[in-house]
Amino acid sequence: MKHTKEEKLKAFGRLLDIQDRLRKECPWDRKQTMESLRPNTIEEVYELCDALMKADYKEVCKELGDVMEHIIFYAMIGEEEDKFDIADVCNGQSDKLMFRHDFINWGNTSFSEPKWYVTDTNLVINNQGQVVYKDEVDENNNPKPTTASQVESTWEQRKQRERDGNKTVLSGVPSSLPSLIKAYRIQDKARNVGFDWKDKGDVWGKVREELGELEVELRKGDRENSTKELGDFLFSVINAARLYHLNPDNALEHTNEKFIYRFGYVEEKLREQGRTVKEASLEEMDALWNEAKKTETL
C-alpha cells in the first residue's frame, strides 16, 4: 500500500508525539542520555543489517522503525540541551544533499540555511542557477557531464571543502566501524580521489605477494609479524573484492550463514544417532558435511 506525502508526514508527526510523551512519562526514557543510548543504537543497526541480508522486508520495516526511534531520541536530547532538534537534522541533511548533487535542477527548492559549504572565491553560479565550484563547470559555465562514479568522486571532494567537512580524505571513516567494513571504506574513499589500481587485474599480484609474506612469517613462528602480514593479506583480498564490485562483508556473512547451516546439519544428524560431535570422527563429520552441502538452499 502506497501512502501520500500527507499520510507520511502525519505518521512521522505521530511518532514524534509518542516519543515526546515517552520522554516525559516513561521512567526508562526519562533517564536516557546520548551515551547510554549508544550501545542500543549499535545493536539496532546490526539487527537492521541482519534483516537486510535476509531480504526479510517485514523485518526490515520493523528494524527501520527502531533505528528511526533512536534518531528521534537523539534529536530530542539535542533539543533539551539547546543544541539542535529534528528539524535541524532534516534541514541539514537536505542542504547537504542538494549542494553535493548540484547537477540536479532543484527548481524553486532552496536551502533552509546554506551552512554546509564554504563560501569562497572558488564558488560560482552555473548556467542552471546552482552554486558550484569553478572546477565542476566547463569554460561556458555549464555543468560537466555526470556519471555515477563522478558523483562519488565529487561527493568526497566536497566533503573536504565544506566548512564542517573532513580535514583529510580518510578522516570521515568512523574509527568504530568493524575492521572489514572499515578497510573497504578506506579503499573506496582513496579511489574517489584517484588513488587506485589502473588495471584491476594487477591486484592479484599484490594478493599473492601478501600471502607469500604471511607464509614466510608463519613458517618462522613469528606471531607478531604473522599478525601484521595476515592484516596485509586480508586488506589486499578486500581490495580485490572492491575492484571486482563484490562486497566482502556481504560475501563473508553468506559464508558464515552457510557454515552455521552445515555444522547444524552435522550436529542434528549425530543427535539422531544418539551422539555428539565430540563422539564422532572427523571422517564421519566430513561425510555429513558433504550431505549438508547437497541439501542447502542458501
C-alpha atoms as a PDB file:
ATOM      1  CA  MET A   1       0.000   0.000   0.000  1.00  0.00           C
ATOM      2  CA  LYS A   2       1.393   3.387  -1.012  1.00  0.00           C
ATOM      3  CA  HIS A   3       0.859   6.389   1.213  1.00  0.00           C
ATOM      4  CA  THR A   4       0.533  10.002   0.187  1.00  0.00           C
ATOM      5  CA  LYS A   5       3.041  12.607   1.290  1.00  0.00           C
ATOM      6  CA  GLU A   6       0.452  13.943   3.742  1.00  0.00           C
ATOM      7  CA  GLU A   7      -0.009  10.480   5.238  1.00  0.00           C
ATOM      8  CA  LYS A   8       3.740  10.061   5.581  1.00  0.00           C
ATOM      9  CA  LEU A   9       4.090  13.424   7.332  1.00  0.00           C
ATOM     10  CA  LYS A  10       1.191  12.550   9.626  1.00  0.00           C
ATOM     11  CA  ALA A  11       2.803   9.221  10.517  1.00  0.00           C
ATOM     12  CA  PHE A  12       6.136  10.916  11.253  1.00  0.00           C
ATOM     13  CA  GLY A  13       4.379  13.530  13.381  1.00  0.00           C
ATOM     14  CA  ARG A  14       2.601  10.767  15.306  1.00  0.00           C
ATOM     15  CA  LEU A  15       5.933   9.110  16.089  1.00  0.00           C
ATOM     16  CA  LEU A  16       7.354  12.462  17.254  1.00  0.00           C
ATOM     17  CA  ASP A  17       4.367  12.946  19.573  1.00  0.00           C
ATOM     18  CA  ILE A  18       4.654   9.439  21.029  1.00  0.00           C
ATOM     19  CA  GLN A  19       8.395   9.745  21.590  1.00  0.00           C
ATOM     20  CA  ASP A  20       7.922  13.153  23.202  1.00  0.00           C
ATOM     21  CA  ARG A  21       5.342  11.742  25.625  1.00  0.00           C
ATOM     22  CA  LEU A  22       7.552   8.745  26.444  1.00  0.00           C
ATOM     23  CA  ARG A  23      10.440  11.068  27.239  1.00  0.00           C
ATOM     24  CA  LYS A  24       8.237  12.887  29.732  1.00  0.00           C
ATOM     25  CA  GLU A  25       6.295   9.984  31.264  1.00  0.00           C
ATOM     26  CA  CYS A  26       8.315   6.765  30.896  1.00  0.00           C
ATOM     27  CA  PRO A  27      10.901   6.214  33.691  1.00  0.00           C
ATOM     28  CA  TRP A  28      13.307   4.407  31.322  1.00  0.00           C
ATOM     29  CA  ASP A  29      13.064   7.034  28.580  1.00  0.00           C
ATOM     30  CA  ARG A  30      13.471   9.882  31.052  1.00  0.00           C
ATOM     31  CA  LYS A  31      16.853   8.684  32.300  1.00  0.00           C
ATOM     32  CA  GLN A  32      18.442   8.051  28.894  1.00  0.00           C
ATOM     33  CA  THR A  33      21.381  10.097  27.617  1.00  0.00           C
ATOM     34  CA  MET A  34      23.227  10.056  24.304  1.00  0.00           C
ATOM     35  CA  GLU A  35      25.931   7.986  25.957  1.00  0.00           C
ATOM     36  CA  SER A  36      23.526   5.432  27.413  1.00  0.00           C
ATOM     37  CA  LEU A  37      21.664   5.049  24.114  1.00  0.00           C
ATOM     38  CA  ARG A  38      24.774   4.454  22.005  1.00  0.00           C
ATOM     39  CA  PRO A  39      25.148   0.674  22.662  1.00  0.00           C
ATOM     40  CA  ASN A  40      21.460   0.137  21.927  1.00  0.00           C
ATOM     41  CA  THR A  41      21.760   2.101  18.697  1.00  0.00           C
ATOM     42  CA  ILE A  42      24.656  -0.070  17.541  1.00  0.00           C
ATOM     43  CA  GLU A  43      22.597  -3.189  18.299  1.00  0.00           C
ATOM     44  CA  GLU A  44      19.582  -1.844  16.407  1.00  0.00           C
ATOM     45  CA  VAL A  45      21.689  -1.056  13.329  1.00  0.00           C
ATOM     46  CA  TYR A  46      23.126  -4.567  13.334  1.00  0.00           C
ATOM     47  CA  GLU A  47      19.626  -6.024  13.617  1.00  0.00           C
ATOM     48  CA  LEU A  48      18.636  -3.938  10.611  1.00  0.00           C
ATOM     49  CA  CYS A  49      21.678  -5.260   8.734  1.00  0.00           C
ATOM     50  CA  ASP A  50      20.646  -8.839   9.560  1.00  0.00           C
ATOM     51  CA  ALA A  51      17.176  -8.227   8.142  1.00  0.00           C
ATOM     52  CA  LEU A  52      18.652  -6.638   5.009  1.00  0.00           C
ATOM     53  CA  MET A  53      20.929  -9.634   4.467  1.00  0.00           C
ATOM     54  CA  LYS A  54      17.936 -11.976   4.707  1.00  0.00           C
ATOM     55  CA  ALA A  55      15.806  -9.740   2.452  1.00  0.00           C
ATOM     56  CA  ASP A  56      13.084 -10.036   5.088  1.00  0.00           C
ATOM     57  CA  TYR A  57      11.128  -6.898   4.224  1.00  0.00           C
ATOM     58  CA  LYS A  58       8.697  -7.207   7.100  1.00  0.00           C
ATOM     59  CA  GLU A  59      11.641  -7.322   9.477  1.00  0.00           C
ATOM     60  CA  VAL A  60      13.448  -4.527   7.582  1.00  0.00           C
ATOM     61  CA  CYS A  61      10.399  -2.304   8.091  1.00  0.00           C
ATOM     62  CA  LYS A  62      10.341  -3.123  11.825  1.00  0.00           C
ATOM     63  CA  GLU A  63      14.068  -2.532  12.305  1.00  0.00           C
ATOM     64  CA  LEU A  64      13.968   0.741  10.364  1.00  0.00           C
ATOM     65  CA  GLY A  65      11.366   1.875  12.882  1.00  0.00           C
ATOM     66  CA  ASP A  66      13.699   1.021  15.761  1.00  0.00           C
ATOM     67  CA  VAL A  67      16.575   2.942  14.153  1.00  0.00           C
ATOM     68  CA  MET A  68      14.303   5.904  13.428  1.00  0.00           C
ATOM     69  CA  GLU A  69      13.196   5.942  17.046  1.00  0.00           C
ATOM     70  CA  HIS A  70      16.825   6.318  18.088  1.00  0.00           C
ATOM     71  CA  ILE A  71      17.360   9.165  15.621  1.00  0.00           C
ATOM     72  CA  ILE A  72      14.375  10.997  17.056  1.00  0.00           C
ATOM     73  CA  PHE A  73      15.556  10.259  20.592  1.00  0.00           C
ATOM     74  CA  TYR A  74      18.988  11.792  19.967  1.00  0.00           C
ATOM     75  CA  ALA A  75      17.391  14.848  18.353  1.00  0.00           C
ATOM     76  CA  MET A  76      15.080  15.191  21.347  1.00  0.00           C
ATOM     77  CA  ILE A  77      18.021  15.158  23.753  1.00  0.00           C
ATOM     78  CA  GLY A  78      19.799  17.676  21.498  1.00  0.00           C
ATOM     79  CA  GLU A  79      16.763  19.939  21.724  1.00  0.00           C
ATOM     80  CA  GLU A  80      16.671  19.648  25.522  1.00  0.00           C
ATOM     81  CA  GLU A  81      20.290  20.752  25.625  1.00  0.00           C
ATOM     82  CA  ASP A  82      19.522  23.590  23.209  1.00  0.00           C
ATOM     83  CA  LYS A  83      21.987  22.207  20.625  1.00  0.00           C
ATOM     84  CA  PHE A  84      19.744  21.055  17.747  1.00  0.00           C
ATOM     85  CA  ASP A  85      16.386  19.424  17.087  1.00  0.00           C
ATOM     86  CA  ILE A  86      14.907  17.066  14.479  1.00  0.00           C
ATOM     87  CA  ALA A  87      14.190  19.969  12.121  1.00  0.00           C
ATOM     88  CA  ASP A  88      17.884  20.890  12.187  1.00  0.00           C
ATOM     89  CA  VAL A  89      18.756  17.281  11.411  1.00  0.00           C
ATOM     90  CA  CYS A  90      16.374  17.123   8.444  1.00  0.00           C
ATOM     91  CA  ASN A  91      17.234  20.573   7.087  1.00  0.00           C
ATOM     92  CA  GLY A  92      20.946  19.985   7.464  1.00  0.00           C
ATOM     93  CA  GLN A  93      20.744  16.731   5.558  1.00  0.00           C
ATOM     94  CA  SER A  94      18.579  18.321   2.853  1.00  0.00           C
ATOM     95  CA  ASP A  95      21.034  21.188   2.440  1.00  0.00           C
ATOM     96  CA  LYS A  96      23.948  18.796   2.205  1.00  0.00           C
ATOM     97  CA  LEU A  97      22.271  16.515  -0.345  1.00  0.00           C
ATOM     98  CA  MET A  98      21.184  19.421  -2.541  1.00  0.00           C
ATOM     99  CA  PHE A  99      24.582  21.068  -2.515  1.00  0.00           C
ATOM    100  CA  ARG A 100      26.500  17.871  -3.243  1.00  0.00           C
ATOM    101  CA  HIS A 101      24.085  16.998  -6.057  1.00  0.00           C
ATOM    102  CA  ASP A 102      24.252  20.337  -7.809  1.00  0.00           C
ATOM    103  CA  PHE A 103      23.885  18.662 -11.239  1.00  0.00           C
ATOM    104  CA  ILE A 104      20.180  18.243 -10.427  1.00  0.00           C
ATOM    105  CA  ASN A 105      17.958  21.247 -11.189  1.00  0.00           C
ATOM    106  CA  TRP A 106      16.156  21.777  -7.885  1.00  0.00           C
ATOM    107  CA  GLY A 107      13.903  24.490  -9.315  1.00  0.00           C
ATOM    108  CA  ASN A 108      12.279  26.573  -6.581  1.00  0.00           C
ATOM    109  CA  THR A 109      13.556  24.314  -3.829  1.00  0.00           C
ATOM    110  CA  SER A 110      16.027  26.235  -1.701  1.00  0.00           C
ATOM    111  CA  PHE A 111      18.467  25.523   1.080  1.00  0.00           C
ATOM    112  CA  SER A 112      16.998  26.207   4.504  1.00  0.00           C
ATOM    113  CA  GLU A 113      20.299  27.727   5.559  1.00  0.00           C
ATOM    114  CA  PRO A 114      23.289  27.248   3.190  1.00  0.00           C
ATOM    115  CA  LYS A 115      25.627  26.424   6.074  1.00  0.00           C
ATOM    116  CA  TRP A 116      27.103  23.183   4.805  1.00  0.00           C
ATOM    117  CA  TYR A 117      29.568  24.606   2.328  1.00  0.00           C
ATOM    118  CA  VAL A 118      32.402  27.106   2.272  1.00  0.00           C
ATOM    119  CA  THR A 119      31.666  30.445   0.674  1.00  0.00           C
ATOM    120  CA  ASP A 120      34.943  31.247  -1.017  1.00  0.00           C
ATOM    121  CA  THR A 121      36.186  32.673  -4.304  1.00  0.00           C
ATOM    122  CA  ASN A 122      36.057  29.242  -5.961  1.00  0.00           C
ATOM    123  CA  LEU A 123      32.247  29.203  -5.833  1.00  0.00           C
ATOM    124  CA  VAL A 124      30.267  30.366  -8.865  1.00  0.00           C
ATOM    125  CA  ILE A 125      26.678  30.322 -10.075  1.00  0.00           C
ATOM    126  CA  ASN A 126      26.402  27.995 -13.046  1.00  0.00           C
ATOM    127  CA  ASN A 127      24.027  28.335 -16.015  1.00  0.00           C
ATOM    128  CA  GLN A 128      21.308  26.484 -14.113  1.00  0.00           C
ATOM    129  CA  GLY A 129      21.450  28.900 -11.212  1.00  0.00           C
ATOM    130  CA  GLN A 130      23.193  26.434  -8.902  1.00  0.00           C
ATOM    131  CA  VAL A 131      26.060  27.234  -6.544  1.00  0.00           C
ATOM    132  CA  VAL A 132      29.040  25.110  -7.620  1.00  0.00           C
ATOM    133  CA  TYR A 133      32.826  25.094  -7.583  1.00  0.00           C
ATOM    134  CA  LYS A 134      34.620  26.510 -10.648  1.00  0.00           C
ATOM    135  CA  ASP A 135      36.330  23.214 -11.399  1.00  0.00           C
ATOM    136  CA  GLU A 136      32.945  21.486 -11.672  1.00  0.00           C
ATOM    137  CA  VAL A 137      31.800  23.505 -14.719  1.00  0.00           C
ATOM    138  CA  ASP A 138      33.252  23.921 -18.207  1.00  0.00           C
ATOM    139  CA  GLU A 139      34.540  27.119 -19.815  1.00  0.00           C
ATOM    140  CA  ASN A 140      30.944  28.149 -20.656  1.00  0.00           C
ATOM    141  CA  ASN A 141      29.805  27.664 -17.052  1.00  0.00           C
ATOM    142  CA  ASN A 142      27.824  24.551 -17.977  1.00  0.00           C
ATOM    143  CA  PRO A 143      27.839  21.580 -15.564  1.00  0.00           C
ATOM    144  CA  LYS A 144      30.334  18.925 -16.591  1.00  0.00           C
ATOM    145  CA  PRO A 145      28.848  15.566 -17.691  1.00  0.00           C
ATOM    146  CA  THR A 146      27.937  13.478 -14.667  1.00  0.00           C
ATOM    147  CA  THR A 147      28.311   9.726 -14.185  1.00  0.00           C
ATOM    148  CA  ALA A 148      27.734   7.644 -11.053  1.00  0.00           C
ATOM    149  CA  SER A 149      31.487   7.423 -10.402  1.00  0.00           C
ATOM    150  CA  GLN A 150      31.868  11.190 -10.864  1.00  0.00           C
ATOM    151  CA  VAL A 151      29.081  11.757  -8.329  1.00  0.00           C
ATOM    152  CA  GLU A 152      31.009   9.672  -5.781  1.00  0.00           C
ATOM    153  CA  SER A 153      34.252  11.492  -6.506  1.00  0.00           C
ATOM    154  CA  THR A 154      32.640  14.931  -6.289  1.00  0.00           C
ATOM    155  CA  TRP A 155      30.915  13.909  -3.056  1.00  0.00           C
ATOM    156  CA  GLU A 156      34.234  13.140  -1.365  1.00  0.00           C
ATOM    157  CA  GLN A 157      35.881  16.307  -2.665  1.00  0.00           C
ATOM    158  CA  ARG A 158      33.011  18.464  -1.458  1.00  0.00           C
ATOM    159  CA  LYS A 159      33.013  16.864   1.960  1.00  0.00           C
ATOM    160  CA  GLN A 160      36.560  18.139   2.405  1.00  0.00           C
ATOM    161  CA  ARG A 161      35.678  21.614   1.134  1.00  0.00           C
ATOM    162  CA  GLU A 162      32.688  22.117   3.436  1.00  0.00           C
ATOM    163  CA  ARG A 163      33.155  24.288   6.461  1.00  0.00           C
ATOM    164  CA  ASP A 164      32.370  21.385   8.792  1.00  0.00           C
ATOM    165  CA  GLY A 165      33.701  18.736   6.428  1.00  0.00           C
ATOM    166  CA  ASN A 166      36.504  16.200   6.756  1.00  0.00           C
ATOM    167  CA  LYS A 167      40.001  17.664   7.014  1.00  0.00           C
ATOM    168  CA  THR A 168      41.537  14.679   5.208  1.00  0.00           C
ATOM    169  CA  VAL A 169      40.219  12.115   2.736  1.00  0.00           C
ATOM    170  CA  LEU A 170      40.145   9.283   5.274  1.00  0.00           C
ATOM    171  CA  SER A 171      39.128  11.241   8.378  1.00  0.00           C
ATOM    172  CA  GLY A 172      35.470  10.641   7.513  1.00  0.00           C
ATOM    173  CA  VAL A 173      35.776   6.878   8.075  1.00  0.00           C
ATOM    174  CA  PRO A 174      34.365   6.191  11.580  1.00  0.00           C
ATOM    175  CA  SER A 175      37.006   4.648  13.853  1.00  0.00           C
ATOM    176  CA  SER A 176      34.378   2.364  15.413  1.00  0.00           C
ATOM    177  CA  LEU A 177      33.464   0.630  12.141  1.00  0.00           C
ATOM    178  CA  PRO A 178      34.082  -3.138  12.070  1.00  0.00           C
ATOM    179  CA  SER A 179      37.540  -3.721  10.596  1.00  0.00           C
ATOM    180  CA  LEU A 180      36.378  -5.449   7.402  1.00  0.00           C
ATOM    181  CA  ILE A 181      33.915  -2.692   6.523  1.00  0.00           C
ATOM    182  CA  LYS A 182      36.426  -0.020   7.537  1.00  0.00           C
ATOM    183  CA  ALA A 183      39.051  -1.464   5.165  1.00  0.00           C
ATOM    184  CA  TYR A 184      36.559  -1.388   2.301  1.00  0.00           C
ATOM    185  CA  ARG A 185      35.521   2.211   3.044  1.00  0.00           C
ATOM    186  CA  ILE A 186      39.154   3.354   3.344  1.00  0.00           C
ATOM    187  CA  GLN A 187      39.988   1.888  -0.053  1.00  0.00           C
ATOM    188  CA  ASP A 188      36.813   3.260  -1.632  1.00  0.00           C
ATOM    189  CA  LYS A 189      37.448   6.781  -0.364  1.00  0.00           C
ATOM    190  CA  ALA A 190      41.012   6.657  -1.676  1.00  0.00           C
ATOM    191  CA  ARG A 191      39.630   5.516  -5.048  1.00  0.00           C
ATOM    192  CA  ASN A 192      37.339   8.546  -5.185  1.00  0.00           C
ATOM    193  CA  VAL A 193      40.361  10.856  -5.280  1.00  0.00           C
ATOM    194  CA  GLY A 194      42.225   8.799  -7.883  1.00  0.00           C
ATOM    195  CA  PHE A 195      44.373   6.547  -5.659  1.00  0.00           C
ATOM    196  CA  ASP A 196      43.616   3.130  -7.137  1.00  0.00           C
ATOM    197  CA  TRP A 197      44.909   0.399  -9.449  1.00  0.00           C
ATOM    198  CA  LYS A 198      44.892   1.385 -13.121  1.00  0.00           C
ATOM    199  CA  ASP A 199      44.250  -2.234 -14.107  1.00  0.00           C
ATOM    200  CA  LYS A 200      42.208  -4.185 -11.581  1.00  0.00           C
ATOM    201  CA  GLY A 201      43.906  -7.407 -12.671  1.00  0.00           C
ATOM    202  CA  ASP A 202      47.159  -6.131 -11.181  1.00  0.00           C
ATOM    203  CA  VAL A 203      45.729  -6.521  -7.695  1.00  0.00           C
ATOM    204  CA  TRP A 204      46.225 -10.293  -7.816  1.00  0.00           C
ATOM    205  CA  GLY A 205      49.979  -9.835  -7.834  1.00  0.00           C
ATOM    206  CA  LYS A 206      49.630  -7.900  -4.584  1.00  0.00           C
ATOM    207  CA  VAL A 207      47.371 -10.582  -3.095  1.00  0.00           C
ATOM    208  CA  ARG A 208      49.901 -13.301  -3.940  1.00  0.00           C
ATOM    209  CA  GLU A 209      52.748 -11.151  -2.609  1.00  0.00           C
ATOM    210  CA  GLU A 210      50.991 -10.604   0.734  1.00  0.00           C
ATOM    211  CA  LEU A 211      50.082 -14.309   1.013  1.00  0.00           C
ATOM    212  CA  GLY A 212      53.721 -15.247   0.407  1.00  0.00           C
ATOM    213  CA  GLU A 213      54.925 -12.845   3.100  1.00  0.00           C
ATOM    214  CA  LEU A 214      52.358 -14.277   5.518  1.00  0.00           C
ATOM    215  CA  GLU A 215      53.529 -17.836   4.826  1.00  0.00           C
ATOM    216  CA  VAL A 216      57.162 -16.839   5.444  1.00  0.00           C
ATOM    217  CA  GLU A 217      56.373 -15.376   8.872  1.00  0.00           C
ATOM    218  CA  LEU A 218      54.160 -18.339   9.804  1.00  0.00           C
ATOM    219  CA  ARG A 219      56.990 -20.764   9.000  1.00  0.00           C
ATOM    220  CA  LYS A 220      59.299 -18.688  11.214  1.00  0.00           C
ATOM    221  CA  GLY A 221      56.781 -18.914  14.027  1.00  0.00           C
ATOM    222  CA  ASP A 222      56.901 -15.145  14.478  1.00  0.00           C
ATOM    223  CA  ARG A 223      53.450 -14.396  15.918  1.00  0.00           C
ATOM    224  CA  GLU A 224      53.763 -10.589  15.885  1.00  0.00           C
ATOM    225  CA  ASN A 225      54.906 -10.346  12.273  1.00  0.00           C
ATOM    226  CA  SER A 226      52.458 -13.076  11.227  1.00  0.00           C
ATOM    227  CA  THR A 227      49.627 -10.968  12.633  1.00  0.00           C
ATOM    228  CA  LYS A 228      50.833  -7.926  10.678  1.00  0.00           C
ATOM    229  CA  GLU A 229      51.169  -9.924   7.468  1.00  0.00           C
ATOM    230  CA  LEU A 230      47.751 -11.503   7.976  1.00  0.00           C
ATOM    231  CA  GLY A 231      46.288  -7.996   8.172  1.00  0.00           C
ATOM    232  CA  ASP A 232      48.088  -7.016   4.961  1.00  0.00           C
ATOM    233  CA  PHE A 233      46.838 -10.150   3.210  1.00  0.00           C
ATOM    234  CA  LEU A 234      43.222  -9.596   4.286  1.00  0.00           C
ATOM    235  CA  PHE A 235      43.443  -5.932   3.246  1.00  0.00           C
ATOM    236  CA  SER A 236      44.651  -6.982  -0.216  1.00  0.00           C
ATOM    237  CA  VAL A 237      41.809  -9.528  -0.593  1.00  0.00           C
ATOM    238  CA  ILE A 238      39.259  -6.867   0.390  1.00  0.00           C
ATOM    239  CA  ASN A 239      40.864  -4.557  -2.166  1.00  0.00           C
ATOM    240  CA  ALA A 240      40.474  -7.211  -4.854  1.00  0.00           C
ATOM    241  CA  ALA A 241      36.814  -7.708  -3.925  1.00  0.00           C
ATOM    242  CA  ARG A 242      36.192  -3.971  -4.199  1.00  0.00           C
ATOM    243  CA  LEU A 243      37.832  -3.768  -7.620  1.00  0.00           C
ATOM    244  CA  TYR A 244      35.536  -6.527  -8.872  1.00  0.00           C
ATOM    245  CA  HIS A 245      32.471  -4.836  -7.339  1.00  0.00           C
ATOM    246  CA  LEU A 246      31.962  -7.544  -4.724  1.00  0.00           C
ATOM    247  CA  ASN A 247      31.019  -6.611  -1.165  1.00  0.00           C
ATOM    248  CA  PRO A 248      33.377  -8.594   1.110  1.00  0.00           C
ATOM    249  CA  ASP A 249      31.223  -8.097   4.202  1.00  0.00           C
ATOM    250  CA  ASN A 250      28.139  -9.499   2.465  1.00  0.00           C
ATOM    251  CA  ALA A 251      30.197 -12.338   0.986  1.00  0.00           C
ATOM    252  CA  LEU A 252      31.655 -13.302   4.365  1.00  0.00           C
ATOM    253  CA  GLU A 253      28.239 -13.124   6.020  1.00  0.00           C
ATOM    254  CA  HIS A 254      26.800 -15.501   3.403  1.00  0.00           C
ATOM    255  CA  THR A 255      29.668 -17.894   4.138  1.00  0.00           C
ATOM    256  CA  ASN A 256      29.039 -17.566   7.891  1.00  0.00           C
ATOM    257  CA  GLU A 257      25.383 -18.491   7.386  1.00  0.00           C
ATOM    258  CA  LYS A 258      26.391 -21.384   5.137  1.00  0.00           C
ATOM    259  CA  PHE A 259      28.820 -22.727   7.744  1.00  0.00           C
ATOM    260  CA  ILE A 260      26.218 -22.412  10.511  1.00  0.00           C
ATOM    261  CA  TYR A 261      23.702 -24.360   8.429  1.00  0.00           C
ATOM    262  CA  ARG A 262      26.136 -27.154   7.520  1.00  0.00           C
ATOM    263  CA  PHE A 263      27.523 -27.534  11.026  1.00  0.00           C
ATOM    264  CA  GLY A 264      23.995 -27.509  12.429  1.00  0.00           C
ATOM    265  CA  TYR A 265      23.105 -30.294   9.989  1.00  0.00           C
ATOM    266  CA  VAL A 266      26.072 -32.355  11.226  1.00  0.00           C
ATOM    267  CA  GLU A 267      25.020 -31.860  14.863  1.00  0.00           C
ATOM    268  CA  GLU A 268      21.396 -32.745  14.115  1.00  0.00           C
ATOM    269  CA  LYS A 269      22.257 -35.966  12.255  1.00  0.00           C
ATOM    270  CA  LEU A 270      24.610 -37.074  15.020  1.00  0.00           C
ATOM    271  CA  ARG A 271      21.958 -36.254  17.620  1.00  0.00           C
ATOM    272  CA  GLU A 272      19.560 -38.536  15.754  1.00  0.00           C
ATOM    273  CA  GLN A 273      22.171 -41.272  16.226  1.00  0.00           C
ATOM    274  CA  GLY A 274      22.360 -40.517  19.926  1.00  0.00           C
ATOM    275  CA  ARG A 275      25.825 -38.980  19.657  1.00  0.00           C
ATOM    276  CA  THR A 276      27.514 -35.565  19.868  1.00  0.00           C
ATOM    277  CA  VAL A 277      30.163 -34.008  17.638  1.00  0.00           C
ATOM    278  CA  LYS A 278      32.776 -34.811  20.282  1.00  0.00           C
ATOM    279  CA  GLU A 279      31.983 -38.503  19.891  1.00  0.00           C
ATOM    280  CA  ALA A 280      32.215 -38.548  16.078  1.00  0.00           C
ATOM    281  CA  SER A 281      35.352 -38.887  13.983  1.00  0.00           C
ATOM    282  CA  LEU A 282      36.467 -36.183  11.590  1.00  0.00           C
ATOM    283  CA  GLU A 283      35.713 -38.528   8.675  1.00  0.00           C
ATOM    284  CA  GLU A 284      32.141 -39.029   9.893  1.00  0.00           C
ATOM    285  CA  MET A 285      31.625 -35.287  10.283  1.00  0.00           C
ATOM    286  CA  ASP A 286      33.086 -34.663   6.812  1.00  0.00           C
ATOM    287  CA  ALA A 287      30.633 -37.138   5.316  1.00  0.00           C
ATOM    288  CA  LEU A 288      27.685 -35.414   6.996  1.00  0.00           C
ATOM    289  CA  TRP A 289      29.111 -32.045   5.967  1.00  0.00           C
ATOM    290  CA  ASN A 290      29.027 -33.135   2.321  1.00  0.00           C
ATOM    291  CA  GLU A 291      25.442 -34.321   2.793  1.00  0.00           C
ATOM    292  CA  ALA A 292      24.543 -30.896   4.113  1.00  0.00           C
ATOM    293  CA  LYS A 293      26.053 -29.230   1.048  1.00  0.00           C
ATOM    294  CA  LYS A 294      23.631 -31.169  -1.162  1.00  0.00           C
ATOM    295  CA  THR A 295      20.594 -30.063   0.848  1.00  0.00           C
ATOM    296  CA  GLU A 296      21.333 -26.383   1.430  1.00  0.00           C
ATOM    297  CA  THR A 297      19.385 -23.642  -0.330  1.00  0.00           C
ATOM    298  CA  LEU A 298      21.466 -20.702   0.938  1.00  0.00           C
END
